[in-house]
Amino acid sequence: MDDFKDPSVLLVGTRLLHHMSRVFADNALPLKPPGQRTDRKLLRKLREKKQAQGHARDDHEQTMSL
């Protein structure tokens, strides 16, 4: 028992930061899945195509939320 030494300050500090990061990760909002992304040029072409077909400029497809 007498040979036991206190842990180093660096070890204590890193463990504290690790536990704090876990607390913040538990309370953080969930990230959106990466999914499929469309670049600006393609979005502009799609908008122009929809307008040519008679859709309103601010006409967006409905998104489903859970």
N, C-alpha and C. Protein backbone atom coordinates (compact mmCIF):
# COMPACT_ATOMS: atom_id res chain seq x y z
N MET A 1 0.82 -1.19 0.00
CA MET A 1 0.00 0.00 0.00
C MET A 1 0.86 1.25 0.00
N ASP A 2 1.99 1.22 0.73
CA ASP A 2 2.82 2.40 0.84
C ASP A 2 3.55 2.72 -0.46
N ASP A 3 3.69 1.75 -1.36
CA ASP A 3 4.39 1.97 -2.61
C ASP A 3 3.53 2.66 -3.66
N PHE A 4 2.22 2.77 -3.40
CA PHE A 4 1.31 3.39 -4.36
C PHE A 4 1.59 4.88 -4.44
N LYS A 5 1.77 5.36 -5.70
CA LYS A 5 2.01 6.79 -5.92
C LYS A 5 0.77 7.41 -6.53
N ASP A 6 0.59 8.69 -6.29
CA ASP A 6 -0.53 9.41 -6.90
C ASP A 6 -0.33 9.48 -8.42
N PRO A 7 -1.43 9.40 -9.16
CA PRO A 7 -1.29 9.49 -10.61
C PRO A 7 -0.77 10.87 -11.02
N SER A 8 -0.11 10.93 -12.14
CA SER A 8 0.48 12.19 -12.57
C SER A 8 -0.62 13.19 -12.92
N VAL A 9 -0.27 14.44 -12.88
CA VAL A 9 -1.22 15.51 -13.19
C VAL A 9 -1.66 15.41 -14.64
N LEU A 10 -0.76 15.05 -15.53
CA LEU A 10 -1.11 14.92 -16.95
C LEU A 10 -2.15 13.83 -17.15
N LEU A 11 -2.01 12.70 -16.48
CA LEU A 11 -2.97 11.61 -16.59
C LEU A 11 -4.33 12.05 -16.06
N VAL A 12 -4.34 12.73 -14.93
CA VAL A 12 -5.59 13.19 -14.34
C VAL A 12 -6.27 14.19 -15.28
N GLY A 13 -5.48 15.09 -15.85
CA GLY A 13 -6.04 16.09 -16.77
C GLY A 13 -6.63 15.48 -18.02
N THR A 14 -5.94 14.51 -18.60
CA THR A 14 -6.45 13.88 -19.82
C THR A 14 -7.70 13.04 -19.53
N ARG A 15 -7.73 12.38 -18.40
CA ARG A 15 -8.94 11.61 -18.04
C ARG A 15 -10.13 12.54 -17.80
N LEU A 16 -9.87 13.68 -17.18
CA LEU A 16 -10.93 14.65 -16.94
C LEU A 16 -11.48 15.17 -18.27
N LEU A 17 -10.58 15.52 -19.19
CA LEU A 17 -11.03 16.00 -20.50
C LEU A 17 -11.78 14.92 -21.26
N HIS A 18 -11.36 13.68 -21.14
CA HIS A 18 -12.05 12.57 -21.80
C HIS A 18 -13.47 12.43 -21.26
N HIS A 19 -13.63 12.47 -19.96
CA HIS A 19 -14.96 12.34 -19.36
C HIS A 19 -15.84 13.54 -19.72
N MET A 20 -15.25 14.73 -19.74
CA MET A 20 -16.03 15.91 -20.12
C MET A 20 -16.48 15.82 -21.58
N SER A 21 -15.64 15.29 -22.46
CA SER A 21 -16.04 15.14 -23.87
C SER A 21 -17.18 14.16 -24.01
N ARG A 22 -17.19 13.11 -23.19
CA ARG A 22 -18.29 12.15 -23.23
C ARG A 22 -19.59 12.80 -22.78
N VAL A 23 -19.53 13.67 -21.76
CA VAL A 23 -20.72 14.37 -21.28
C VAL A 23 -21.28 15.27 -22.37
N PHE A 24 -20.38 16.02 -23.02
CA PHE A 24 -20.83 16.92 -24.08
C PHE A 24 -21.36 16.15 -25.28
N ALA A 25 -20.77 15.01 -25.60
CA ALA A 25 -21.24 14.21 -26.73
C ALA A 25 -22.63 13.65 -26.44
N ASP A 26 -22.91 13.29 -25.21
CA ASP A 26 -24.23 12.78 -24.86
C ASP A 26 -25.30 13.86 -24.97
N ASN A 27 -24.94 15.11 -24.71
CA ASN A 27 -25.90 16.20 -24.74
C ASN A 27 -25.97 16.90 -26.09
N ALA A 28 -25.11 16.56 -27.02
CA ALA A 28 -25.08 17.22 -28.33
C ALA A 28 -26.24 16.73 -29.19
N LEU A 29 -26.65 17.61 -30.12
CA LEU A 29 -27.69 17.23 -31.06
C LEU A 29 -27.14 16.20 -32.03
N PRO A 30 -27.98 15.27 -32.48
CA PRO A 30 -27.49 14.26 -33.43
C PRO A 30 -27.13 14.92 -34.76
N LEU A 31 -26.07 14.43 -35.39
CA LEU A 31 -25.65 14.95 -36.67
C LEU A 31 -26.54 14.39 -37.77
N LYS A 32 -26.73 15.18 -38.80
CA LYS A 32 -27.50 14.70 -39.94
C LYS A 32 -26.66 13.68 -40.69
N PRO A 33 -27.30 12.64 -41.21
CA PRO A 33 -26.52 11.67 -41.98
C PRO A 33 -25.94 12.34 -43.23
N PRO A 34 -24.77 11.90 -43.67
CA PRO A 34 -24.13 12.56 -44.79
C PRO A 34 -24.98 12.54 -46.06
N GLY A 35 -25.62 11.45 -46.35
CA GLY A 35 -26.55 11.37 -47.46
C GLY A 35 -25.96 11.84 -48.78
N GLN A 36 -26.84 12.07 -49.72
CA GLN A 36 -26.43 12.48 -51.05
C GLN A 36 -26.49 14.00 -51.14
N ARG A 37 -25.43 14.60 -51.63
CA ARG A 37 -25.37 16.05 -51.75
C ARG A 37 -25.35 16.44 -53.22
N THR A 38 -25.99 17.56 -53.52
CA THR A 38 -26.05 18.05 -54.88
C THR A 38 -25.36 19.40 -54.94
N ASP A 39 -24.52 19.60 -55.94
CA ASP A 39 -23.80 20.86 -56.03
C ASP A 39 -24.68 21.98 -56.57
N ARG A 40 -24.17 23.22 -56.50
CA ARG A 40 -24.95 24.40 -56.88
C ARG A 40 -25.35 24.39 -58.35
N LYS A 41 -24.43 24.00 -59.21
CA LYS A 41 -24.73 24.03 -60.65
C LYS A 41 -25.87 23.08 -61.00
N LEU A 42 -25.83 21.90 -60.42
CA LEU A 42 -26.89 20.93 -60.70
C LEU A 42 -28.21 21.40 -60.12
N LEU A 43 -28.19 21.98 -58.92
CA LEU A 43 -29.42 22.51 -58.34
C LEU A 43 -30.01 23.62 -59.21
N ARG A 44 -29.14 24.49 -59.74
CA ARG A 44 -29.62 25.57 -60.60
C ARG A 44 -30.26 25.00 -61.87
N LYS A 45 -29.63 23.99 -62.47
CA LYS A 45 -30.19 23.37 -63.67
C LYS A 45 -31.54 22.73 -63.37
N LEU A 46 -31.64 22.05 -62.22
CA LEU A 46 -32.92 21.43 -61.85
C LEU A 46 -34.01 22.47 -61.63
N ARG A 47 -33.65 23.60 -60.97
CA ARG A 47 -34.62 24.68 -60.78
C ARG A 47 -35.09 25.24 -62.11
N GLU A 48 -34.16 25.48 -63.04
CA GLU A 48 -34.53 26.02 -64.35
C GLU A 48 -35.43 25.04 -65.10
N LYS A 49 -35.13 23.76 -64.98
CA LYS A 49 -35.94 22.74 -65.64
C LYS A 49 -37.35 22.71 -65.07
N LYS A 50 -37.46 22.80 -63.74
CA LYS A 50 -38.79 22.81 -63.12
C LYS A 50 -39.58 24.05 -63.51
N GLN A 51 -38.90 25.19 -63.57
CA GLN A 51 -39.59 26.42 -63.98
C GLN A 51 -40.07 26.30 -65.42
N ALA A 52 -39.28 25.67 -66.28
CA ALA A 52 -39.69 25.48 -67.67
C ALA A 52 -40.90 24.56 -67.76
N GLN A 53 -41.05 23.65 -66.80
CA GLN A 53 -42.18 22.74 -66.80
C GLN A 53 -43.40 23.35 -66.12
N GLY A 54 -43.27 24.56 -65.59
CA GLY A 54 -44.42 25.24 -65.03
C GLY A 54 -44.49 25.26 -63.52
N HIS A 55 -43.47 24.82 -62.83
CA HIS A 55 -43.46 24.88 -61.38
C HIS A 55 -43.17 26.30 -60.91
N ALA A 56 -43.70 26.65 -59.77
CA ALA A 56 -43.42 27.96 -59.18
C ALA A 56 -41.97 28.00 -58.72
N ARG A 57 -41.41 29.20 -58.61
CA ARG A 57 -40.00 29.35 -58.25
C ARG A 57 -39.71 28.80 -56.85
N ASP A 58 -40.63 29.02 -55.91
CA ASP A 58 -40.40 28.56 -54.54
C ASP A 58 -41.09 27.23 -54.26
N ASP A 59 -41.40 26.48 -55.30
CA ASP A 59 -42.05 25.18 -55.15
C ASP A 59 -41.01 24.14 -54.77
N HIS A 60 -41.15 23.58 -53.57
CA HIS A 60 -40.21 22.58 -53.08
C HIS A 60 -40.97 21.30 -52.80
N GLU A 61 -40.27 20.19 -52.95
CA GLU A 61 -40.88 18.91 -52.59
C GLU A 61 -41.00 18.83 -51.09
N GLN A 62 -42.05 18.18 -50.62
CA GLN A 62 -42.25 18.04 -49.19
C GLN A 62 -41.25 17.04 -48.65
N THR A 63 -40.72 17.35 -47.47
CA THR A 63 -39.82 16.42 -46.82
C THR A 63 -40.52 15.79 -45.66
N MET A 64 -40.24 14.52 -45.43
CA MET A 64 -40.85 13.81 -44.32
C MET A 64 -39.92 13.88 -43.11
N SER A 65 -40.46 14.20 -41.96
CA SER A 65 -39.67 14.21 -40.75
C SER A 65 -40.25 13.20 -39.78
N LEU A 66 -39.36 12.59 -39.03
CA LEU A 66 -39.79 11.57 -38.06
C LEU A 66 -40.02 12.16 -36.72
